[in-house]
Amino acid sequence: GVGSGYYGFLPIEFALFADAGLAWC
């Protein structure tokens, strides 16, 4: 709720993530 609008007064996004990947031949 810091500022108005969807992003507030500054477009900052926070994310929690999980990644998985595989490289092969």
mmCIF file of all heavy atoms, coordinates in Angstrom:
data_MODEL
# 
_entry.id   MODEL 
# 
loop_
_atom_site.group_PDB 
_atom_site.id 
_atom_site.type_symbol 
_atom_site.label_atom_id 
_atom_site.label_alt_id 
_atom_site.label_comp_id 
_atom_site.label_asym_id 
_atom_site.label_entity_id 
_atom_site.label_seq_id 
_atom_site.pdbx_PDB_ins_code 
_atom_site.Cartn_x 
_atom_site.Cartn_y 
_atom_site.Cartn_z 
_atom_site.occupancy 
_atom_site.B_iso_or_equiv 
_atom_site.pdbx_formal_charge 
_atom_site.auth_seq_id 
_atom_site.auth_comp_id 
_atom_site.auth_asym_id 
_atom_site.auth_atom_id 
_atom_site.pdbx_PDB_model_num 
ATOM 1   N N   . GLY A 1 1  ? 0.799  -1.224  0.000   1.00 0.00 ? 1  GLY A N   1 
ATOM 2   C CA  . GLY A 1 1  ? 0.000  0.000   0.000   1.00 0.00 ? 1  GLY A CA  1 
ATOM 3   C C   . GLY A 1 1  ? 0.823  1.262   0.000   1.00 0.00 ? 1  GLY A C   1 
ATOM 4   O O   . GLY A 1 1  ? 0.343  2.328   0.416   1.00 0.00 ? 1  GLY A O   1 
ATOM 5   N N   . VAL A 1 2  ? 2.073  1.173   -0.471  1.00 0.00 ? 2  VAL A N   1 
ATOM 6   C CA  . VAL A 1 2  ? 2.945  2.344   -0.514  1.00 0.00 ? 2  VAL A CA  1 
ATOM 7   C C   . VAL A 1 2  ? 2.773  3.013   -1.873  1.00 0.00 ? 2  VAL A C   1 
ATOM 8   O O   . VAL A 1 2  ? 3.343  2.574   -2.877  1.00 0.00 ? 2  VAL A O   1 
ATOM 9   C CB  . VAL A 1 2  ? 4.421  1.959   -0.296  1.00 0.00 ? 2  VAL A CB  1 
ATOM 10  C CG1 . VAL A 1 2  ? 5.301  3.201   -0.317  1.00 0.00 ? 2  VAL A CG1 1 
ATOM 11  C CG2 . VAL A 1 2  ? 4.581  1.211   1.020   1.00 0.00 ? 2  VAL A CG2 1 
ATOM 12  N N   . GLY A 1 3  ? 1.981  4.021   -1.949  1.00 0.00 ? 3  GLY A N   1 
ATOM 13  C CA  . GLY A 1 3  ? 1.672  4.686   -3.205  1.00 0.00 ? 3  GLY A CA  1 
ATOM 14  C C   . GLY A 1 3  ? 0.385  4.150   -3.794  1.00 0.00 ? 3  GLY A C   1 
ATOM 15  O O   . GLY A 1 3  ? -0.237 3.219   -3.272  1.00 0.00 ? 3  GLY A O   1 
ATOM 16  N N   . SER A 1 4  ? -0.028 4.734   -4.899  1.00 0.00 ? 4  SER A N   1 
ATOM 17  C CA  . SER A 1 4  ? -1.289 4.350   -5.530  1.00 0.00 ? 4  SER A CA  1 
ATOM 18  C C   . SER A 1 4  ? -1.026 3.463   -6.742  1.00 0.00 ? 4  SER A C   1 
ATOM 19  O O   . SER A 1 4  ? 0.085  3.382   -7.247  1.00 0.00 ? 4  SER A O   1 
ATOM 20  C CB  . SER A 1 4  ? -2.054 5.603   -5.966  1.00 0.00 ? 4  SER A CB  1 
ATOM 21  O OG  . SER A 1 4  ? -1.275 6.358   -6.892  1.00 0.00 ? 4  SER A OG  1 
ATOM 22  N N   . GLY A 1 5  ? -2.079 2.783   -7.192  1.00 0.00 ? 5  GLY A N   1 
ATOM 23  C CA  . GLY A 1 5  ? -1.967 1.946   -8.365  1.00 0.00 ? 5  GLY A CA  1 
ATOM 24  C C   . GLY A 1 5  ? -1.457 0.552   -8.046  1.00 0.00 ? 5  GLY A C   1 
ATOM 25  O O   . GLY A 1 5  ? -1.184 0.203   -6.891  1.00 0.00 ? 5  GLY A O   1 
ATOM 26  N N   . TYR A 1 6  ? -1.309 -0.247  -9.101  1.00 0.00 ? 6  TYR A N   1 
ATOM 27  C CA  . TYR A 1 6  ? -0.929 -1.651  -8.937  1.00 0.00 ? 6  TYR A CA  1 
ATOM 28  C C   . TYR A 1 6  ? 0.467  -1.785  -8.347  1.00 0.00 ? 6  TYR A C   1 
ATOM 29  O O   . TYR A 1 6  ? 0.711  -2.639  -7.478  1.00 0.00 ? 6  TYR A O   1 
ATOM 30  C CB  . TYR A 1 6  ? -0.999 -2.339  -10.304 1.00 0.00 ? 6  TYR A CB  1 
ATOM 31  C CG  . TYR A 1 6  ? -0.705 -3.816  -10.257 1.00 0.00 ? 6  TYR A CG  1 
ATOM 32  C CD1 . TYR A 1 6  ? -1.670 -4.737  -9.839  1.00 0.00 ? 6  TYR A CD1 1 
ATOM 33  C CD2 . TYR A 1 6  ? 0.541  -4.310  -10.645 1.00 0.00 ? 6  TYR A CD2 1 
ATOM 34  C CE1 . TYR A 1 6  ? -1.408 -6.097  -9.806  1.00 0.00 ? 6  TYR A CE1 1 
ATOM 35  C CE2 . TYR A 1 6  ? 0.819  -5.672  -10.610 1.00 0.00 ? 6  TYR A CE2 1 
ATOM 36  C CZ  . TYR A 1 6  ? -0.156 -6.561  -10.191 1.00 0.00 ? 6  TYR A CZ  1 
ATOM 37  O OH  . TYR A 1 6  ? 0.123  -7.901  -10.159 1.00 0.00 ? 6  TYR A OH  1 
ATOM 38  N N   . TYR A 1 7  ? 1.409  -0.962  -8.803  1.00 0.00 ? 7  TYR A N   1 
ATOM 39  C CA  . TYR A 1 7  ? 2.790  -1.082  -8.350  1.00 0.00 ? 7  TYR A CA  1 
ATOM 40  C C   . TYR A 1 7  ? 3.167  -0.110  -7.241  1.00 0.00 ? 7  TYR A C   1 
ATOM 41  O O   . TYR A 1 7  ? 4.287  -0.161  -6.733  1.00 0.00 ? 7  TYR A O   1 
ATOM 42  C CB  . TYR A 1 7  ? 3.753  -0.865  -9.532  1.00 0.00 ? 7  TYR A CB  1 
ATOM 43  C CG  . TYR A 1 7  ? 3.828  -2.043  -10.468 1.00 0.00 ? 7  TYR A CG  1 
ATOM 44  C CD1 . TYR A 1 7  ? 3.066  -2.084  -11.631 1.00 0.00 ? 7  TYR A CD1 1 
ATOM 45  C CD2 . TYR A 1 7  ? 4.647  -3.128  -10.193 1.00 0.00 ? 7  TYR A CD2 1 
ATOM 46  C CE1 . TYR A 1 7  ? 3.125  -3.165  -12.497 1.00 0.00 ? 7  TYR A CE1 1 
ATOM 47  C CE2 . TYR A 1 7  ? 4.707  -4.226  -11.050 1.00 0.00 ? 7  TYR A CE2 1 
ATOM 48  C CZ  . TYR A 1 7  ? 3.945  -4.233  -12.191 1.00 0.00 ? 7  TYR A CZ  1 
ATOM 49  O OH  . TYR A 1 7  ? 4.000  -5.312  -13.040 1.00 0.00 ? 7  TYR A OH  1 
ATOM 50  N N   . GLY A 1 8  ? 2.268  0.760   -6.836  1.00 0.00 ? 8  GLY A N   1 
ATOM 51  C CA  . GLY A 1 8  ? 2.661  1.788   -5.882  1.00 0.00 ? 8  GLY A CA  1 
ATOM 52  C C   . GLY A 1 8  ? 3.423  2.890   -6.595  1.00 0.00 ? 8  GLY A C   1 
ATOM 53  O O   . GLY A 1 8  ? 3.225  3.121   -7.793  1.00 0.00 ? 8  GLY A O   1 
ATOM 54  N N   . PHE A 1 9  ? 4.323  3.552   -5.908  1.00 0.00 ? 9  PHE A N   1 
ATOM 55  C CA  . PHE A 1 9  ? 4.998  4.690   -6.531  1.00 0.00 ? 9  PHE A CA  1 
ATOM 56  C C   . PHE A 1 9  ? 6.236  4.285   -7.333  1.00 0.00 ? 9  PHE A C   1 
ATOM 57  O O   . PHE A 1 9  ? 6.849  5.109   -8.010  1.00 0.00 ? 9  PHE A O   1 
ATOM 58  C CB  . PHE A 1 9  ? 5.389  5.737   -5.469  1.00 0.00 ? 9  PHE A CB  1 
ATOM 59  C CG  . PHE A 1 9  ? 6.593  5.368   -4.647  1.00 0.00 ? 9  PHE A CG  1 
ATOM 60  C CD1 . PHE A 1 9  ? 7.864  5.752   -5.054  1.00 0.00 ? 9  PHE A CD1 1 
ATOM 61  C CD2 . PHE A 1 9  ? 6.455  4.649   -3.470  1.00 0.00 ? 9  PHE A CD2 1 
ATOM 62  C CE1 . PHE A 1 9  ? 8.975  5.426   -4.301  1.00 0.00 ? 9  PHE A CE1 1 
ATOM 63  C CE2 . PHE A 1 9  ? 7.556  4.314   -2.709  1.00 0.00 ? 9  PHE A CE2 1 
ATOM 64  C CZ  . PHE A 1 9  ? 8.832  4.701   -3.132  1.00 0.00 ? 9  PHE A CZ  1 
ATOM 65  N N   . LEU A 1 10 ? 6.608  2.986   -7.306  1.00 0.00 ? 10 LEU A N   1 
ATOM 66  C CA  . LEU A 1 10 ? 7.774  2.529   -8.042  1.00 0.00 ? 10 LEU A CA  1 
ATOM 67  C C   . LEU A 1 10 ? 7.545  1.090   -8.490  1.00 0.00 ? 10 LEU A C   1 
ATOM 68  O O   . LEU A 1 10 ? 7.124  0.254   -7.687  1.00 0.00 ? 10 LEU A O   1 
ATOM 69  C CB  . LEU A 1 10 ? 9.026  2.609   -7.151  1.00 0.00 ? 10 LEU A CB  1 
ATOM 70  C CG  . LEU A 1 10 ? 10.397 2.531   -7.828  1.00 0.00 ? 10 LEU A CG  1 
ATOM 71  C CD1 . LEU A 1 10 ? 10.574 3.732   -8.767  1.00 0.00 ? 10 LEU A CD1 1 
ATOM 72  C CD2 . LEU A 1 10 ? 11.507 2.507   -6.779  1.00 0.00 ? 10 LEU A CD2 1 
ATOM 73  N N   . PRO A 1 11 ? 7.803  0.767   -9.779  1.00 0.00 ? 11 PRO A N   1 
ATOM 74  C CA  . PRO A 1 11 ? 7.541  -0.593  -10.282 1.00 0.00 ? 11 PRO A CA  1 
ATOM 75  C C   . PRO A 1 11 ? 8.592  -1.601  -9.804  1.00 0.00 ? 11 PRO A C   1 
ATOM 76  O O   . PRO A 1 11 ? 9.558  -1.907  -10.517 1.00 0.00 ? 11 PRO A O   1 
ATOM 77  C CB  . PRO A 1 11 ? 7.575  -0.415  -11.803 1.00 0.00 ? 11 PRO A CB  1 
ATOM 78  C CG  . PRO A 1 11 ? 8.472  0.759   -12.026 1.00 0.00 ? 11 PRO A CG  1 
ATOM 79  C CD  . PRO A 1 11 ? 8.244  1.673   -10.850 1.00 0.00 ? 11 PRO A CD  1 
ATOM 80  N N   . ILE A 1 12 ? 8.395  -2.119  -8.596  1.00 0.00 ? 12 ILE A N   1 
ATOM 81  C CA  . ILE A 1 12 ? 9.276  -3.135  -8.025  1.00 0.00 ? 12 ILE A CA  1 
ATOM 82  C C   . ILE A 1 12 ? 8.463  -4.407  -7.816  1.00 0.00 ? 12 ILE A C   1 
ATOM 83  O O   . ILE A 1 12 ? 7.363  -4.378  -7.260  1.00 0.00 ? 12 ILE A O   1 
ATOM 84  C CB  . ILE A 1 12 ? 9.872  -2.679  -6.679  1.00 0.00 ? 12 ILE A CB  1 
ATOM 85  C CG1 . ILE A 1 12 ? 10.704 -1.411  -6.871  1.00 0.00 ? 12 ILE A CG1 1 
ATOM 86  C CG2 . ILE A 1 12 ? 10.732 -3.767  -6.060  1.00 0.00 ? 12 ILE A CG2 1 
ATOM 87  C CD1 . ILE A 1 12 ? 11.273 -0.865  -5.570  1.00 0.00 ? 12 ILE A CD1 1 
ATOM 88  N N   . GLU A 1 13 ? 9.027  -5.532  -8.250  1.00 0.00 ? 13 GLU A N   1 
ATOM 89  C CA  . GLU A 1 13 ? 8.366  -6.823  -8.110  1.00 0.00 ? 13 GLU A CA  1 
ATOM 90  C C   . GLU A 1 13 ? 9.212  -7.751  -7.254  1.00 0.00 ? 13 GLU A C   1 
ATOM 91  O O   . GLU A 1 13 ? 10.431 -7.823  -7.416  1.00 0.00 ? 13 GLU A O   1 
ATOM 92  C CB  . GLU A 1 13 ? 8.153  -7.447  -9.490  1.00 0.00 ? 13 GLU A CB  1 
ATOM 93  C CG  . GLU A 1 13 ? 7.432  -8.793  -9.467  1.00 0.00 ? 13 GLU A CG  1 
ATOM 94  C CD  . GLU A 1 13 ? 7.190  -9.320  -10.870 1.00 0.00 ? 13 GLU A CD  1 
ATOM 95  O OE1 . GLU A 1 13 ? 8.168  -9.725  -11.524 1.00 0.00 ? 13 GLU A OE1 1 
ATOM 96  O OE2 . GLU A 1 13 ? 6.030  -9.304  -11.303 1.00 0.00 ? 13 GLU A OE2 1 
ATOM 97  N N   . PHE A 1 14 ? 8.547  -8.454  -6.339  1.00 0.00 ? 14 PHE A N   1 
ATOM 98  C CA  . PHE A 1 14 ? 9.220  -9.449  -5.495  1.00 0.00 ? 14 PHE A CA  1 
ATOM 99  C C   . PHE A 1 14 ? 8.707  -10.820 -5.903  1.00 0.00 ? 14 PHE A C   1 
ATOM 100 O O   . PHE A 1 14 ? 7.525  -10.994 -6.199  1.00 0.00 ? 14 PHE A O   1 
ATOM 101 C CB  . PHE A 1 14 ? 8.918  -9.182  -4.020  1.00 0.00 ? 14 PHE A CB  1 
ATOM 102 C CG  . PHE A 1 14 ? 9.575  -10.158 -3.087  1.00 0.00 ? 14 PHE A CG  1 
ATOM 103 C CD1 . PHE A 1 14 ? 10.893 -9.999  -2.709  1.00 0.00 ? 14 PHE A CD1 1 
ATOM 104 C CD2 . PHE A 1 14 ? 8.864  -11.249 -2.596  1.00 0.00 ? 14 PHE A CD2 1 
ATOM 105 C CE1 . PHE A 1 14 ? 11.505 -10.904 -1.852  1.00 0.00 ? 14 PHE A CE1 1 
ATOM 106 C CE2 . PHE A 1 14 ? 9.467  -12.159 -1.742  1.00 0.00 ? 14 PHE A CE2 1 
ATOM 107 C CZ  . PHE A 1 14 ? 10.794 -11.980 -1.371  1.00 0.00 ? 14 PHE A CZ  1 
ATOM 108 N N   . ALA A 1 15 ? 9.603  -11.806 -5.920  1.00 0.00 ? 15 ALA A N   1 
ATOM 109 C CA  . ALA A 1 15 ? 9.201  -13.149 -6.347  1.00 0.00 ? 15 ALA A CA  1 
ATOM 110 C C   . ALA A 1 15 ? 9.920  -14.212 -5.533  1.00 0.00 ? 15 ALA A C   1 
ATOM 111 O O   . ALA A 1 15 ? 11.103 -14.067 -5.203  1.00 0.00 ? 15 ALA A O   1 
ATOM 112 C CB  . ALA A 1 15 ? 9.499  -13.339 -7.831  1.00 0.00 ? 15 ALA A CB  1 
ATOM 113 N N   . LEU A 1 16 ? 9.197  -15.270 -5.208  1.00 0.00 ? 16 LEU A N   1 
ATOM 114 C CA  . LEU A 1 16 ? 9.776  -16.506 -4.677  1.00 0.00 ? 16 LEU A CA  1 
ATOM 115 C C   . LEU A 1 16 ? 9.735  -17.522 -5.808  1.00 0.00 ? 16 LEU A C   1 
ATOM 116 O O   . LEU A 1 16 ? 8.715  -17.653 -6.493  1.00 0.00 ? 16 LEU A O   1 
ATOM 117 C CB  . LEU A 1 16 ? 8.972  -17.008 -3.479  1.00 0.00 ? 16 LEU A CB  1 
ATOM 118 C CG  . LEU A 1 16 ? 8.903  -16.062 -2.280  1.00 0.00 ? 16 LEU A CG  1 
ATOM 119 C CD1 . LEU A 1 16 ? 7.942  -16.620 -1.225  1.00 0.00 ? 16 LEU A CD1 1 
ATOM 120 C CD2 . LEU A 1 16 ? 10.273 -15.834 -1.672  1.00 0.00 ? 16 LEU A CD2 1 
ATOM 121 N N   . PHE A 1 17 ? 10.820 -18.250 -6.021  1.00 0.00 ? 17 PHE A N   1 
ATOM 122 C CA  . PHE A 1 17 ? 10.878 -19.098 -7.201  1.00 0.00 ? 17 PHE A CA  1 
ATOM 123 C C   . PHE A 1 17 ? 11.513 -20.451 -6.913  1.00 0.00 ? 17 PHE A C   1 
ATOM 124 O O   . PHE A 1 17 ? 12.214 -20.644 -5.913  1.00 0.00 ? 17 PHE A O   1 
ATOM 125 C CB  . PHE A 1 17 ? 11.666 -18.399 -8.325  1.00 0.00 ? 17 PHE A CB  1 
ATOM 126 C CG  . PHE A 1 17 ? 13.116 -18.154 -8.008  1.00 0.00 ? 17 PHE A CG  1 
ATOM 127 C CD1 . PHE A 1 17 ? 14.071 -19.147 -8.193  1.00 0.00 ? 17 PHE A CD1 1 
ATOM 128 C CD2 . PHE A 1 17 ? 13.534 -16.922 -7.528  1.00 0.00 ? 17 PHE A CD2 1 
ATOM 129 C CE1 . PHE A 1 17 ? 15.407 -18.921 -7.906  1.00 0.00 ? 17 PHE A CE1 1 
ATOM 130 C CE2 . PHE A 1 17 ? 14.874 -16.688 -7.230  1.00 0.00 ? 17 PHE A CE2 1 
ATOM 131 C CZ  . PHE A 1 17 ? 15.810 -17.693 -7.418  1.00 0.00 ? 17 PHE A CZ  1 
ATOM 132 N N   . ALA A 1 18 ? 11.269 -21.374 -7.828  1.00 0.00 ? 18 ALA A N   1 
ATOM 133 C CA  . ALA A 1 18 ? 11.925 -22.685 -7.843  1.00 0.00 ? 18 ALA A CA  1 
ATOM 134 C C   . ALA A 1 18 ? 12.201 -23.030 -9.293  1.00 0.00 ? 18 ALA A C   1 
ATOM 135 O O   . ALA A 1 18 ? 11.317 -22.897 -10.150 1.00 0.00 ? 18 ALA A O   1 
ATOM 136 C CB  . ALA A 1 18 ? 11.047 -23.749 -7.191  1.00 0.00 ? 18 ALA A CB  1 
ATOM 137 N N   . ASP A 1 19 ? 13.432 -23.448 -9.584  1.00 0.00 ? 19 ASP A N   1 
ATOM 138 C CA  . ASP A 1 19 ? 13.854 -23.783 -10.942 1.00 0.00 ? 19 ASP A CA  1 
ATOM 139 C C   . ASP A 1 19 ? 14.387 -25.213 -10.982 1.00 0.00 ? 19 ASP A C   1 
ATOM 140 O O   . ASP A 1 19 ? 14.998 -25.687 -10.019 1.00 0.00 ? 19 ASP A O   1 
ATOM 141 C CB  . ASP A 1 19 ? 14.968 -22.846 -11.432 1.00 0.00 ? 19 ASP A CB  1 
ATOM 142 C CG  . ASP A 1 19 ? 14.533 -21.391 -11.516 1.00 0.00 ? 19 ASP A CG  1 
ATOM 143 O OD1 . ASP A 1 19 ? 13.317 -21.143 -11.620 1.00 0.00 ? 19 ASP A OD1 1 
ATOM 144 O OD2 . ASP A 1 19 ? 15.405 -20.505 -11.481 1.00 0.00 ? 19 ASP A OD2 1 
ATOM 145 N N   . ALA A 1 20 ? 14.193 -25.867 -12.108 1.00 0.00 ? 20 ALA A N   1 
ATOM 146 C CA  . ALA A 1 20 ? 14.778 -27.184 -12.347 1.00 0.00 ? 20 ALA A CA  1 
ATOM 147 C C   . ALA A 1 20 ? 15.141 -27.277 -13.815 1.00 0.00 ? 20 ALA A C   1 
ATOM 148 O O   . ALA A 1 20 ? 14.408 -26.768 -14.676 1.00 0.00 ? 20 ALA A O   1 
ATOM 149 C CB  . ALA A 1 20 ? 13.815 -28.301 -11.972 1.00 0.00 ? 20 ALA A CB  1 
ATOM 150 N N   . GLY A 1 21 ? 16.282 -27.899 -14.109 1.00 0.00 ? 21 GLY A N   1 
ATOM 151 C CA  . GLY A 1 21 ? 16.690 -27.988 -15.501 1.00 0.00 ? 21 GLY A CA  1 
ATOM 152 C C   . GLY A 1 21 ? 17.647 -29.134 -15.747 1.00 0.00 ? 21 GLY A C   1 
ATOM 153 O O   . GLY A 1 21 ? 18.317 -29.620 -14.831 1.00 0.00 ? 21 GLY A O   1 
ATOM 154 N N   . LEU A 1 22 ? 17.706 -29.553 -16.998 1.00 0.00 ? 22 LEU A N   1 
ATOM 155 C CA  . LEU A 1 22 ? 18.566 -30.665 -17.397 1.00 0.00 ? 22 LEU A CA  1 
ATOM 156 C C   . LEU A 1 22 ? 19.178 -30.347 -18.746 1.00 0.00 ? 22 LEU A C   1 
ATOM 157 O O   . LEU A 1 22 ? 18.482 -29.911 -19.668 1.00 0.00 ? 22 LEU A O   1 
ATOM 158 C CB  . LEU A 1 22 ? 17.742 -31.956 -17.479 1.00 0.00 ? 22 LEU A CB  1 
ATOM 159 C CG  . LEU A 1 22 ? 18.452 -33.199 -18.022 1.00 0.00 ? 22 LEU A CG  1 
ATOM 160 C CD1 . LEU A 1 22 ? 19.552 -33.649 -17.070 1.00 0.00 ? 22 LEU A CD1 1 
ATOM 161 C CD2 . LEU A 1 22 ? 17.443 -34.331 -18.243 1.00 0.00 ? 22 LEU A CD2 1 
ATOM 162 N N   . ALA A 1 23 ? 20.486 -30.550 -18.867 1.00 0.00 ? 23 ALA A N   1 
ATOM 163 C CA  . ALA A 1 23 ? 21.197 -30.442 -20.148 1.00 0.00 ? 23 ALA A CA  1 
ATOM 164 C C   . ALA A 1 23 ? 21.771 -31.811 -20.482 1.00 0.00 ? 23 ALA A C   1 
ATOM 165 O O   . ALA A 1 23 ? 22.353 -32.473 -19.618 1.00 0.00 ? 23 ALA A O   1 
ATOM 166 C CB  . ALA A 1 23 ? 22.311 -29.399 -20.047 1.00 0.00 ? 23 ALA A CB  1 
ATOM 167 N N   . TRP A 1 24 ? 21.628 -32.239 -21.735 1.00 0.00 ? 24 TRP A N   1 
ATOM 168 C CA  . TRP A 1 24 ? 22.143 -33.551 -22.092 1.00 0.00 ? 24 TRP A CA  1 
ATOM 169 C C   . TRP A 1 24 ? 22.481 -33.590 -23.579 1.00 0.00 ? 24 TRP A C   1 
ATOM 170 O O   . TRP A 1 24 ? 22.236 -32.641 -24.326 1.00 0.00 ? 24 TRP A O   1 
ATOM 171 C CB  . TRP A 1 24 ? 21.139 -34.637 -21.729 1.00 0.00 ? 24 TRP A CB  1 
ATOM 172 C CG  . TRP A 1 24 ? 19.950 -34.788 -22.621 1.00 0.00 ? 24 TRP A CG  1 
ATOM 173 C CD1 . TRP A 1 24 ? 19.788 -35.660 -23.658 1.00 0.00 ? 24 TRP A CD1 1 
ATOM 174 C CD2 . TRP A 1 24 ? 18.711 -34.056 -22.552 1.00 0.00 ? 24 TRP A CD2 1 
ATOM 175 N NE1 . TRP A 1 24 ? 18.547 -35.527 -24.225 1.00 0.00 ? 24 TRP A NE1 1 
ATOM 176 C CE2 . TRP A 1 24 ? 17.871 -34.556 -23.570 1.00 0.00 ? 24 TRP A CE2 1 
ATOM 177 C CE3 . TRP A 1 24 ? 18.237 -33.027 -21.717 1.00 0.00 ? 24 TRP A CE3 1 
ATOM 178 C CZ2 . TRP A 1 24 ? 16.580 -34.048 -23.791 1.00 0.00 ? 24 TRP A CZ2 1 
ATOM 179 C CZ3 . TRP A 1 24 ? 16.967 -32.530 -21.939 1.00 0.00 ? 24 TRP A CZ3 1 
ATOM 180 C CH2 . TRP A 1 24 ? 16.156 -33.039 -22.954 1.00 0.00 ? 24 TRP A CH2 1 
ATOM 181 N N   . CYS A 1 25 ? 23.059 -34.706 -23.991 1.00 0.00 ? 25 CYS A N   1 
ATOM 182 C CA  . CYS A 1 25 ? 23.480 -34.911 -25.370 1.00 0.00 ? 25 CYS A CA  1 
ATOM 183 C C   . CYS A 1 25 ? 22.827 -36.170 -25.917 1.00 0.00 ? 25 CYS A C   1 
ATOM 184 O O   . CYS A 1 25 ? 22.378 -37.029 -25.153 1.00 0.00 ? 25 CYS A O   1 
ATOM 185 C CB  . CYS A 1 25 ? 25.002 -35.030 -25.464 1.00 0.00 ? 25 CYS A CB  1 
ATOM 186 S SG  . CYS A 1 25 ? 25.874 -33.652 -24.667 1.00 0.00 ? 25 CYS A SG  1 
# 
